[in-house]
Amino acid sequence: MAFAGLWDTWKPKNTEEPAITTCTIITTQANEPITAIHDRMPVVLEPKNWKTWLEADPGTLAKMLVPADKGILDMYPVSTQVNNARYQGSNCIEQVE
C-alpha cells in the first residue's frame, strides 16, 4: 500500500543551521466506509499509479487525489494497544471482538 505524499529538503537562508527534510501524507474526503471513523483519509495510490505519482506530472496528479474505492481497505476492530506509540507487538493489528 502506498499513500500520496510530498517531501522536501531545504536549508534556512543566512544561517549555519543544517538542512531539514520534511514530509507529509496527502488526505482527501473519506470514502463511505471510512466516514464512520473520520471525514478524511489518506490518498491511497494503487500500484498501477505509483510510477505516475513519482514522476510528478502536476496535470496528472490532481486526478489521483480522490478517496480510495470502496472495498480496497479492510476494516475491523483492533486492540487499544494500537494507540500506544511505544507498543512494538505486531498483534496490535489482529482483529478483536
PDB file of N, CA and C in Angstrom:
ATOM      1  N   MET A   1       0.850  -1.161   0.000  1.00  0.00           N
ATOM      2  CA  MET A   1       0.000   0.000   0.000  1.00  0.00           C
ATOM      3  C   MET A   1       0.899   1.228   0.000  1.00  0.00           C
ATOM      4  N   ALA A   2       0.487   2.230  -0.729  1.00  0.00           N
ATOM      5  CA  ALA A   2       1.234   3.489  -0.761  1.00  0.00           C
ATOM      6  C   ALA A   2       0.252   4.649  -0.627  1.00  0.00           C
ATOM      7  N   PHE A   3       0.649   5.645   0.125  1.00  0.00           N
ATOM      8  CA  PHE A   3      -0.127   6.871   0.267  1.00  0.00           C
ATOM      9  C   PHE A   3       0.529   7.959  -0.566  1.00  0.00           C
ATOM     10  N   ALA A   4      -0.292   8.869  -1.095  1.00  0.00           N
ATOM     11  CA  ALA A   4       0.237  10.037  -1.791  1.00  0.00           C
ATOM     12  C   ALA A   4       0.901  10.935  -0.751  1.00  0.00           C
ATOM     13  N   GLY A   5       2.077  11.378  -1.045  1.00  0.00           N
ATOM     14  CA  GLY A   5       2.789  12.240  -0.106  1.00  0.00           C
ATOM     15  C   GLY A   5       3.770  13.143  -0.812  1.00  0.00           C
ATOM     16  N   LEU A   6       4.300  14.060  -0.061  1.00  0.00           N
ATOM     17  CA  LEU A   6       5.294  15.004  -0.569  1.00  0.00           C
ATOM     18  C   LEU A   6       6.452  15.051   0.417  1.00  0.00           C
ATOM     19  N   TRP A   7       7.642  15.310  -0.079  1.00  0.00           N
ATOM     20  CA  TRP A   7       8.786  15.516   0.796  1.00  0.00           C
ATOM     21  C   TRP A   7       9.682  16.567   0.173  1.00  0.00           C
ATOM     22  N   ASP A   8      10.455  17.215   0.997  1.00  0.00           N
ATOM     23  CA  ASP A   8      11.385  18.230   0.520  1.00  0.00           C
ATOM     24  C   ASP A   8      12.508  18.375   1.536  1.00  0.00           C
ATOM     25  N   THR A   9      13.658  18.726   1.066  1.00  0.00           N
ATOM     26  CA  THR A   9      14.781  19.073   1.927  1.00  0.00           C
ATOM     27  C   THR A   9      15.132  20.514   1.637  1.00  0.00           C
ATOM     28  N   TRP A  10      15.228  21.312   2.687  1.00  0.00           N
ATOM     29  CA  TRP A  10      15.538  22.732   2.498  1.00  0.00           C
ATOM     30  C   TRP A  10      16.483  23.195   3.593  1.00  0.00           C
ATOM     31  N   LYS A  11      17.193  24.246   3.288  1.00  0.00           N
ATOM     32  CA  LYS A  11      18.146  24.814   4.230  1.00  0.00           C
ATOM     33  C   LYS A  11      17.754  26.258   4.480  1.00  0.00           C
ATOM     34  N   PRO A  12      17.594  26.624   5.754  1.00  0.00           N
ATOM     35  CA  PRO A  12      17.270  28.015   6.066  1.00  0.00           C
ATOM     36  C   PRO A  12      18.355  28.950   5.527  1.00  0.00           C
ATOM     37  N   LYS A  13      17.918  30.063   4.937  1.00  0.00           N
ATOM     38  CA  LYS A  13      18.873  31.029   4.366  1.00  0.00           C
ATOM     39  C   LYS A  13      19.563  31.816   5.475  1.00  0.00           C
ATOM     40  N   ASN A  14      20.762  32.254   5.179  1.00  0.00           N
ATOM     41  CA  ASN A  14      21.545  33.122   6.066  1.00  0.00           C
ATOM     42  C   ASN A  14      21.758  32.530   7.453  1.00  0.00           C
ATOM     43  N   THR A  15      21.992  31.240   7.494  1.00  0.00           N
ATOM     44  CA  THR A  15      22.229  30.577   8.774  1.00  0.00           C
ATOM     45  C   THR A  15      23.116  29.367   8.559  1.00  0.00           C
ATOM     46  N   GLU A  16      23.730  28.921   9.618  1.00  0.00           N
ATOM     47  CA  GLU A  16      24.557  27.718   9.571  1.00  0.00           C
ATOM     48  C   GLU A  16      23.765  26.477   9.979  1.00  0.00           C
ATOM     49  N   GLU A  17      22.476  26.641  10.172  1.00  0.00           N
ATOM     50  CA  GLU A  17      21.631  25.516  10.564  1.00  0.00           C
ATOM     51  C   GLU A  17      21.681  24.426   9.493  1.00  0.00           C
ATOM     52  N   PRO A  18      21.595  23.156   9.908  1.00  0.00           N
ATOM     53  CA  PRO A  18      21.613  22.066   8.909  1.00  0.00           C
ATOM     54  C   PRO A  18      20.317  22.030   8.086  1.00  0.00           C
ATOM     55  N   ALA A  19      20.398  21.360   6.967  1.00  0.00           N
ATOM     56  CA  ALA A  19      19.218  21.187   6.123  1.00  0.00           C
ATOM     57  C   ALA A  19      18.159  20.396   6.884  1.00  0.00           C
ATOM     58  N   ILE A  20      16.910  20.649   6.546  1.00  0.00           N
ATOM     59  CA  ILE A  20      15.779  19.994   7.188  1.00  0.00           C
ATOM     60  C   ILE A  20      15.005  19.237   6.117  1.00  0.00           C
ATOM     61  N   THR A  21      14.713  17.966   6.373  1.00  0.00           N
ATOM     62  CA  THR A  21      13.871  17.180   5.473  1.00  0.00           C
ATOM     63  C   THR A  21      12.495  17.078   6.101  1.00  0.00           C
ATOM     64  N   THR A  22      11.469  17.416   5.333  1.00  0.00           N
ATOM     65  CA  THR A  22      10.098  17.362   5.820  1.00  0.00           C
ATOM     66  C   THR A  22       9.270  16.483   4.891  1.00  0.00           C
ATOM     67  N   CYS A  23       8.162  15.964   5.428  1.00  0.00           N
ATOM     68  CA  CYS A  23       7.275  15.153   4.605  1.00  0.00           C
ATOM     69  C   CYS A  23       5.841  15.281   5.104  1.00  0.00           C
ATOM     70  N   THR A  24       4.913  14.912   4.254  1.00  0.00           N
ATOM     71  CA  THR A  24       3.503  14.941   4.602  1.00  0.00           C
ATOM     72  C   THR A  24       2.759  13.879   3.805  1.00  0.00           C
ATOM     73  N   ILE A  25       1.678  13.375   4.376  1.00  0.00           N
ATOM     74  CA  ILE A  25       0.772  12.487   3.657  1.00  0.00           C
ATOM     75  C   ILE A  25      -0.428  13.315   3.237  1.00  0.00           C
ATOM     76  N   ILE A  26      -0.816  13.203   1.989  1.00  0.00           N
ATOM     77  CA  ILE A  26      -1.936  13.980   1.455  1.00  0.00           C
ATOM     78  C   ILE A  26      -3.243  13.262   1.772  1.00  0.00           C
ATOM     79  N   THR A  27      -4.226  14.019   2.233  1.00  0.00           N
ATOM     80  CA  THR A  27      -5.527  13.444   2.555  1.00  0.00           C
ATOM     81  C   THR A  27      -6.589  13.954   1.595  1.00  0.00           C
ATOM     82  N   THR A  28      -7.717  13.273   1.607  1.00  0.00           N
ATOM     83  CA  THR A  28      -8.876  13.639   0.809  1.00  0.00           C
ATOM     84  C   THR A  28     -10.120  13.310   1.634  1.00  0.00           C
ATOM     85  N   GLN A  29     -11.284  13.601   1.088  1.00  0.00           N
ATOM     86  CA  GLN A  29     -12.505  13.249   1.820  1.00  0.00           C
ATOM     87  C   GLN A  29     -12.576  11.735   1.964  1.00  0.00           C
ATOM     88  N   ALA A  30     -13.189  11.279   3.037  1.00  0.00           N
ATOM     89  CA  ALA A  30     -13.280   9.841   3.302  1.00  0.00           C
ATOM     90  C   ALA A  30     -14.254   9.166   2.351  1.00  0.00           C
ATOM     91  N   ASN A  31     -13.940   7.910   2.016  1.00  0.00           N
ATOM     92  CA  ASN A  31     -14.923   7.127   1.268  1.00  0.00           C
ATOM     93  C   ASN A  31     -16.014   6.659   2.241  1.00  0.00           C
ATOM     94  N   GLU A  32     -17.038   6.025   1.737  1.00  0.00           N
ATOM     95  CA  GLU A  32     -18.214   5.699   2.547  1.00  0.00           C
ATOM     96  C   GLU A  32     -17.883   4.871   3.801  1.00  0.00           C
ATOM     97  N   PRO A  33     -17.101   3.806   3.722  1.00  0.00           N
ATOM     98  CA  PRO A  33     -16.832   3.055   4.958  1.00  0.00           C
ATOM     99  C   PRO A  33     -16.042   3.863   5.998  1.00  0.00           C
ATOM    100  N   ILE A  34     -15.103   4.675   5.559  1.00  0.00           N
ATOM    101  CA  ILE A  34     -14.239   5.419   6.476  1.00  0.00           C
ATOM    102  C   ILE A  34     -15.000   6.543   7.175  1.00  0.00           C
ATOM    103  N   THR A  35     -16.080   7.046   6.579  1.00  0.00           N
ATOM    104  CA  THR A  35     -16.818   8.148   7.220  1.00  0.00           C
ATOM    105  C   THR A  35     -17.351   7.765   8.592  1.00  0.00           C
ATOM    106  N   ALA A  36     -17.475   6.478   8.884  1.00  0.00           N
ATOM    107  CA  ALA A  36     -17.889   6.047  10.227  1.00  0.00           C
ATOM    108  C   ALA A  36     -16.809   6.356  11.261  1.00  0.00           C
ATOM    109  N   ILE A  37     -15.576   6.569  10.796  1.00  0.00           N
ATOM    110  CA  ILE A  37     -14.444   6.826  11.681  1.00  0.00           C
ATOM    111  C   ILE A  37     -13.994   8.280  11.623  1.00  0.00           C
ATOM    112  N   HIS A  38     -13.915   8.837  10.398  1.00  0.00           N
ATOM    113  CA  HIS A  38     -13.366  10.189  10.214  1.00  0.00           C
ATOM    114  C   HIS A  38     -13.853  10.749   8.891  1.00  0.00           C
ATOM    115  N   ASP A  39     -13.795  12.067   8.741  1.00  0.00           N
ATOM    116  CA  ASP A  39     -14.258  12.687   7.499  1.00  0.00           C
ATOM    117  C   ASP A  39     -13.172  12.796   6.430  1.00  0.00           C
ATOM    118  N   ARG A  40     -11.925  12.437   6.778  1.00  0.00           N
ATOM    119  CA  ARG A  40     -10.826  12.478   5.814  1.00  0.00           C
ATOM    120  C   ARG A  40     -10.080  11.153   5.865  1.00  0.00           C
ATOM    121  N   MET A  41      -9.312  10.897   4.820  1.00  0.00           N
ATOM    122  CA  MET A  41      -8.479   9.696   4.771  1.00  0.00           C
ATOM    123  C   MET A  41      -7.267   9.969   3.892  1.00  0.00           C
ATOM    124  N   PRO A  42      -6.181   9.215   4.071  1.00  0.00           N
ATOM    125  CA  PRO A  42      -5.037   9.379   3.173  1.00  0.00           C
ATOM    126  C   PRO A  42      -5.430   9.022   1.741  1.00  0.00           C
ATOM    127  N   VAL A  43      -4.800   9.661   0.781  1.00  0.00           N
ATOM    128  CA  VAL A  43      -4.975   9.278  -0.617  1.00  0.00           C
ATOM    129  C   VAL A  43      -4.185   7.980  -0.818  1.00  0.00           C
ATOM    130  N   VAL A  44      -4.888   6.901  -1.108  1.00  0.00           N
ATOM    131  CA  VAL A  44      -4.271   5.594  -1.322  1.00  0.00           C
ATOM    132  C   VAL A  44      -3.971   5.457  -2.811  1.00  0.00           C
ATOM    133  N   LEU A  45      -2.707   5.218  -3.119  1.00  0.00           N
ATOM    134  CA  LEU A  45      -2.309   5.049  -4.519  1.00  0.00           C
ATOM    135  C   LEU A  45      -2.284   3.569  -4.876  1.00  0.00           C
ATOM    136  N   GLU A  46      -2.973   3.221  -5.925  1.00  0.00           N
ATOM    137  CA  GLU A  46      -2.953   1.840  -6.418  1.00  0.00           C
ATOM    138  C   GLU A  46      -1.581   1.581  -7.063  1.00  0.00           C
ATOM    139  N   PRO A  47      -1.083   0.337  -6.990  1.00  0.00           N
ATOM    140  CA  PRO A  47       0.239   0.039  -7.551  1.00  0.00           C
ATOM    141  C   PRO A  47       0.424   0.518  -8.994  1.00  0.00           C
ATOM    142  N   LYS A  48      -0.627   0.452  -9.808  1.00  0.00           N
ATOM    143  CA  LYS A  48      -0.503   0.892 -11.203  1.00  0.00           C
ATOM    144  C   LYS A  48      -0.217   2.391 -11.302  1.00  0.00           C
ATOM    145  N   ASN A  49      -0.463   3.153 -10.229  1.00  0.00           N
ATOM    146  CA  ASN A  49      -0.250   4.605 -10.250  1.00  0.00           C
ATOM    147  C   ASN A  49       1.016   5.056  -9.534  1.00  0.00           C
ATOM    148  N   TRP A  50       1.764   4.144  -8.932  1.00  0.00           N
ATOM    149  CA  TRP A  50       2.950   4.536  -8.172  1.00  0.00           C
ATOM    150  C   TRP A  50       3.951   5.283  -9.041  1.00  0.00           C
ATOM    151  N   LYS A  51       4.270   4.743 -10.199  1.00  0.00           N
ATOM    152  CA  LYS A  51       5.262   5.372 -11.083  1.00  0.00           C
ATOM    153  C   LYS A  51       4.779   6.742 -11.531  1.00  0.00           C
ATOM    154  N   THR A  52       3.512   6.851 -11.880  1.00  0.00           N
ATOM    155  CA  THR A  52       2.951   8.134 -12.312  1.00  0.00           C
ATOM    156  C   THR A  52       3.091   9.163 -11.198  1.00  0.00           C
ATOM    157  N   TRP A  53       2.775   8.759  -9.952  1.00  0.00           N
ATOM    158  CA  TRP A  53       2.892   9.688  -8.823  1.00  0.00           C
ATOM    159  C   TRP A  53       4.340  10.156  -8.660  1.00  0.00           C
ATOM    160  N   LEU A  54       5.272   9.230  -8.744  1.00  0.00           N
ATOM    161  CA  LEU A  54       6.675   9.569  -8.537  1.00  0.00           C
ATOM    162  C   LEU A  54       7.253  10.414  -9.666  1.00  0.00           C
ATOM    163  N   GLU A  55       6.687  10.322 -10.868  1.00  0.00           N
ATOM    164  CA  GLU A  55       7.163  11.151 -11.975  1.00  0.00           C
ATOM    165  C   GLU A  55       6.656  12.584 -11.859  1.00  0.00           C
ATOM    166  N   ALA A  56       5.612  12.782 -11.056  1.00  0.00           N
ATOM    167  CA  ALA A  56       5.127  14.104 -10.643  1.00  0.00           C
ATOM    168  C   ALA A  56       4.750  15.053 -11.779  1.00  0.00           C
ATOM    169  N   ASP A  57       3.920  14.602 -12.703  1.00  0.00           N
ATOM    170  CA  ASP A  57       3.347  15.494 -13.706  1.00  0.00           C
ATOM    171  C   ASP A  57       2.108  16.140 -13.081  1.00  0.00           C
ATOM    172  N   PRO A  58       2.173  17.437 -12.727  1.00  0.00           N
ATOM    173  CA  PRO A  58       1.067  18.072 -11.997  1.00  0.00           C
ATOM    174  C   PRO A  58      -0.300  17.901 -12.645  1.00  0.00           C
ATOM    175  N   GLY A  59      -0.385  17.880 -13.946  1.00  0.00           N
ATOM    176  CA  GLY A  59      -1.669  17.726 -14.616  1.00  0.00           C
ATOM    177  C   GLY A  59      -2.312  16.378 -14.357  1.00  0.00           C
ATOM    178  N   THR A  60      -1.504  15.364 -14.164  1.00  0.00           N
ATOM    179  CA  THR A  60      -1.997  14.014 -13.913  1.00  0.00           C
ATOM    180  C   THR A  60      -2.254  13.766 -12.431  1.00  0.00           C
ATOM    181  N   LEU A  61      -1.428  14.339 -11.588  1.00  0.00           N
ATOM    182  CA  LEU A  61      -1.502  14.058 -10.155  1.00  0.00           C
ATOM    183  C   LEU A  61      -2.822  14.477  -9.525  1.00  0.00           C
ATOM    184  N   ALA A  62      -3.351  15.619  -9.910  1.00  0.00           N
ATOM    185  CA  ALA A  62      -4.587  16.120  -9.300  1.00  0.00           C
ATOM    186  C   ALA A  62      -5.730  15.116  -9.459  1.00  0.00           C
ATOM    187  N   LYS A  63      -5.744  14.377 -10.557  1.00  0.00           N
ATOM    188  CA  LYS A  63      -6.800  13.387 -10.792  1.00  0.00           C
ATOM    189  C   LYS A  63      -6.699  12.193  -9.841  1.00  0.00           C
ATOM    190  N   MET A  64      -5.558  12.022  -9.191  1.00  0.00           N
ATOM    191  CA  MET A  64      -5.360  10.900  -8.276  1.00  0.00           C
ATOM    192  C   MET A  64      -5.779  11.228  -6.841  1.00  0.00           C
ATOM    193  N   LEU A  65      -6.062  12.471  -6.557  1.00  0.00           N
ATOM    194  CA  LEU A  65      -6.350  12.893  -5.189  1.00  0.00           C
ATOM    195  C   LEU A  65      -7.821  12.679  -4.849  1.00  0.00           C
ATOM    196  N   VAL A  66      -8.225  11.434  -4.877  1.00  0.00           N
ATOM    197  CA  VAL A  66      -9.618  11.050  -4.651  1.00  0.00           C
ATOM    198  C   VAL A  66      -9.670   9.960  -3.582  1.00  0.00           C
ATOM    199  N   PRO A  67     -10.836   9.764  -2.959  1.00  0.00           N
ATOM    200  CA  PRO A  67     -10.951   8.680  -1.975  1.00  0.00           C
ATOM    201  C   PRO A  67     -10.700   7.312  -2.611  1.00  0.00           C
ATOM    202  N   ALA A  68     -10.206   6.386  -1.815  1.00  0.00           N
ATOM    203  CA  ALA A  68      -9.986   5.014  -2.284  1.00  0.00           C
ATOM    204  C   ALA A  68     -11.326   4.370  -2.626  1.00  0.00           C
ATOM    205  N   ASP A  69     -11.304   3.477  -3.584  1.00  0.00           N
ATOM    206  CA  ASP A  69     -12.515   2.737  -3.934  1.00  0.00           C
ATOM    207  C   ASP A  69     -13.023   1.973  -2.713  1.00  0.00           C
ATOM    208  N   LYS A  70     -14.328   1.888  -2.595  1.00  0.00           N
ATOM    209  CA  LYS A  70     -14.942   1.126  -1.509  1.00  0.00           C
ATOM    210  C   LYS A  70     -14.486  -0.330  -1.632  1.00  0.00           C
ATOM    211  N   GLY A  71     -14.093  -0.927  -0.519  1.00  0.00           N
ATOM    212  CA  GLY A  71     -13.655  -2.322  -0.520  1.00  0.00           C
ATOM    213  C   GLY A  71     -12.165  -2.518  -0.674  1.00  0.00           C
ATOM    214  N   ILE A  72     -11.415  -1.462  -0.937  1.00  0.00           N
ATOM    215  CA  ILE A  72      -9.965  -1.611  -1.113  1.00  0.00           C
ATOM    216  C   ILE A  72      -9.255  -1.807   0.236  1.00  0.00           C
ATOM    217  N   LEU A  73      -9.872  -1.328   1.310  1.00  0.00           N
ATOM    218  CA  LEU A  73      -9.301  -1.455   2.648  1.00  0.00           C
ATOM    219  C   LEU A  73     -10.180  -2.359   3.506  1.00  0.00           C
ATOM    220  N   ASP A  74      -9.548  -3.163   4.339  1.00  0.00           N
ATOM    221  CA  ASP A  74     -10.287  -3.981   5.297  1.00  0.00           C
ATOM    222  C   ASP A  74     -10.455  -3.175   6.575  1.00  0.00           C
ATOM    223  N   MET A  75     -11.664  -3.229   7.148  1.00  0.00           N
ATOM    224  CA  MET A  75     -11.926  -2.537   8.405  1.00  0.00           C
ATOM    225  C   MET A  75     -12.436  -3.544   9.426  1.00  0.00           C
ATOM    226  N   TYR A  76     -11.820  -3.535  10.613  1.00  0.00           N
ATOM    227  CA  TYR A  76     -12.249  -4.405  11.700  1.00  0.00           C
ATOM    228  C   TYR A  76     -11.705  -3.832  13.004  1.00  0.00           C
ATOM    229  N   PRO A  77     -12.340  -4.149  14.133  1.00  0.00           N
ATOM    230  CA  PRO A  77     -11.856  -3.638  15.414  1.00  0.00           C
ATOM    231  C   PRO A  77     -10.521  -4.274  15.802  1.00  0.00           C
ATOM    232  N   VAL A  78      -9.650  -3.461  16.408  1.00  0.00           N
ATOM    233  CA  VAL A  78      -8.360  -3.935  16.896  1.00  0.00           C
ATOM    234  C   VAL A  78      -8.197  -3.523  18.358  1.00  0.00           C
ATOM    235  N   SER A  79      -7.204  -4.068  19.001  1.00  0.00           N
ATOM    236  CA  SER A  79      -6.931  -3.763  20.401  1.00  0.00           C
ATOM    237  C   SER A  79      -6.561  -2.292  20.570  1.00  0.00           C
ATOM    238  N   THR A  80      -6.843  -1.757  21.743  1.00  0.00           N
ATOM    239  CA  THR A  80      -6.444  -0.374  22.035  1.00  0.00           C
ATOM    240  C   THR A  80      -4.929  -0.239  22.155  1.00  0.00           C
ATOM    241  N   GLN A  81      -4.192  -1.346  22.121  1.00  0.00           N
ATOM    242  CA  GLN A  81      -2.721  -1.279  22.109  1.00  0.00           C
ATOM    243  C   GLN A  81      -2.220  -0.458  20.925  1.00  0.00           C
ATOM    244  N   VAL A  82      -2.990  -0.398  19.863  1.00  0.00           N
ATOM    245  CA  VAL A  82      -2.590   0.348  18.670  1.00  0.00           C
ATOM    246  C   VAL A  82      -2.459   1.847  18.978  1.00  0.00           C
ATOM    247  N   ASN A  83      -3.064   2.308  20.063  1.00  0.00           N
ATOM    248  CA  ASN A  83      -2.998   3.723  20.439  1.00  0.00           C
ATOM    249  C   ASN A  83      -1.707   4.091  21.163  1.00  0.00           C
ATOM    250  N   ASN A  84      -0.910   3.106  21.548  1.00  0.00           N
ATOM    251  CA  ASN A  84       0.326   3.355  22.279  1.00  0.00           C
ATOM    252  C   ASN A  84       1.502   3.331  21.303  1.00  0.00           C
ATOM    253  N   ALA A  85       2.086   4.488  21.035  1.00  0.00           N
ATOM    254  CA  ALA A  85       3.194   4.588  20.080  1.00  0.00           C
ATOM    255  C   ALA A  85       4.413   3.776  20.508  1.00  0.00           C
ATOM    256  N   ARG A  86       4.542   3.459  21.787  1.00  0.00           N
ATOM    257  CA  ARG A  86       5.685   2.684  22.278  1.00  0.00           C
ATOM    258  C   ARG A  86       5.492   1.177  22.111  1.00  0.00           C
ATOM    259  N   TYR A  87       4.270   0.749  21.881  1.00  0.00           N
ATOM    260  CA  TYR A  87       3.993  -0.681  21.761  1.00  0.00           C
ATOM    261  C   TYR A  87       4.603  -1.220  20.475  1.00  0.00           C
ATOM    262  N   GLN A  88       5.349  -2.303  20.550  1.00  0.00           N
ATOM    263  CA  GLN A  88       6.077  -2.838  19.403  1.00  0.00           C
ATOM    264  C   GLN A  88       5.529  -4.158  18.871  1.00  0.00           C
ATOM    265  N   GLY A  89       4.509  -4.718  19.492  1.00  0.00           N
ATOM    266  CA  GLY A  89       3.999  -6.009  19.063  1.00  0.00           C
ATOM    267  C   GLY A  89       3.206  -5.929  17.769  1.00  0.00           C
ATOM    268  N   SER A  90       3.382  -6.928  16.926  1.00  0.00           N
ATOM    269  CA  SER A  90       2.642  -6.957  15.665  1.00  0.00           C
ATOM    270  C   SER A  90       1.192  -7.380  15.871  1.00  0.00           C
ATOM    271  N   ASN A  91       0.865  -7.910  17.056  1.00  0.00           N
ATOM    272  CA  ASN A  91      -0.500  -8.370  17.303  1.00  0.00           C
ATOM    273  C   ASN A  91      -1.501  -7.213  17.457  1.00  0.00           C
ATOM    274  N   CYS A  92      -1.039  -5.979  17.494  1.00  0.00           N
ATOM    275  CA  CYS A  92      -1.970  -4.854  17.654  1.00  0.00           C
ATOM    276  C   CYS A  92      -2.840  -4.661  16.405  1.00  0.00           C
ATOM    277  N   ILE A  93      -2.534  -5.344  15.319  1.00  0.00           N
ATOM    278  CA  ILE A  93      -3.370  -5.230  14.134  1.00  0.00           C
ATOM    279  C   ILE A  93      -4.319  -6.424  13.971  1.00  0.00           C
ATOM    280  N   GLU A  94      -4.269  -7.346  14.943  1.00  0.00           N
ATOM    281  CA  GLU A  94      -5.155  -8.504  14.873  1.00  0.00           C
ATOM    282  C   GLU A  94      -6.571  -8.116  15.274  1.00  0.00           C
ATOM    283  N   GLN A  95      -7.529  -8.723  14.626  1.00  0.00           N
ATOM    284  CA  GLN A  95      -8.941  -8.435  14.895  1.00  0.00           C
ATOM    285  C   GLN A  95      -9.322  -8.896  16.287  1.00  0.00           C
ATOM    286  N   VAL A  96     -10.093  -8.046  16.988  1.00  0.00           N
ATOM    287  CA  VAL A  96     -10.662  -8.413  18.292  1.00  0.00           C
ATOM    288  C   VAL A  96     -12.181  -8.291  18.178  1.00  0.00           C
ATOM    289  N   GLU A  97     -12.851  -8.973  19.071  1.00  0.00           N
ATOM    290  CA  GLU A  97     -14.318  -8.911  19.063  1.00  0.00           C
ATOM    291  C   GLU A  97     -14.808  -7.830  19.978  1.00  0.00           C
TER     292      GLU A  97
END
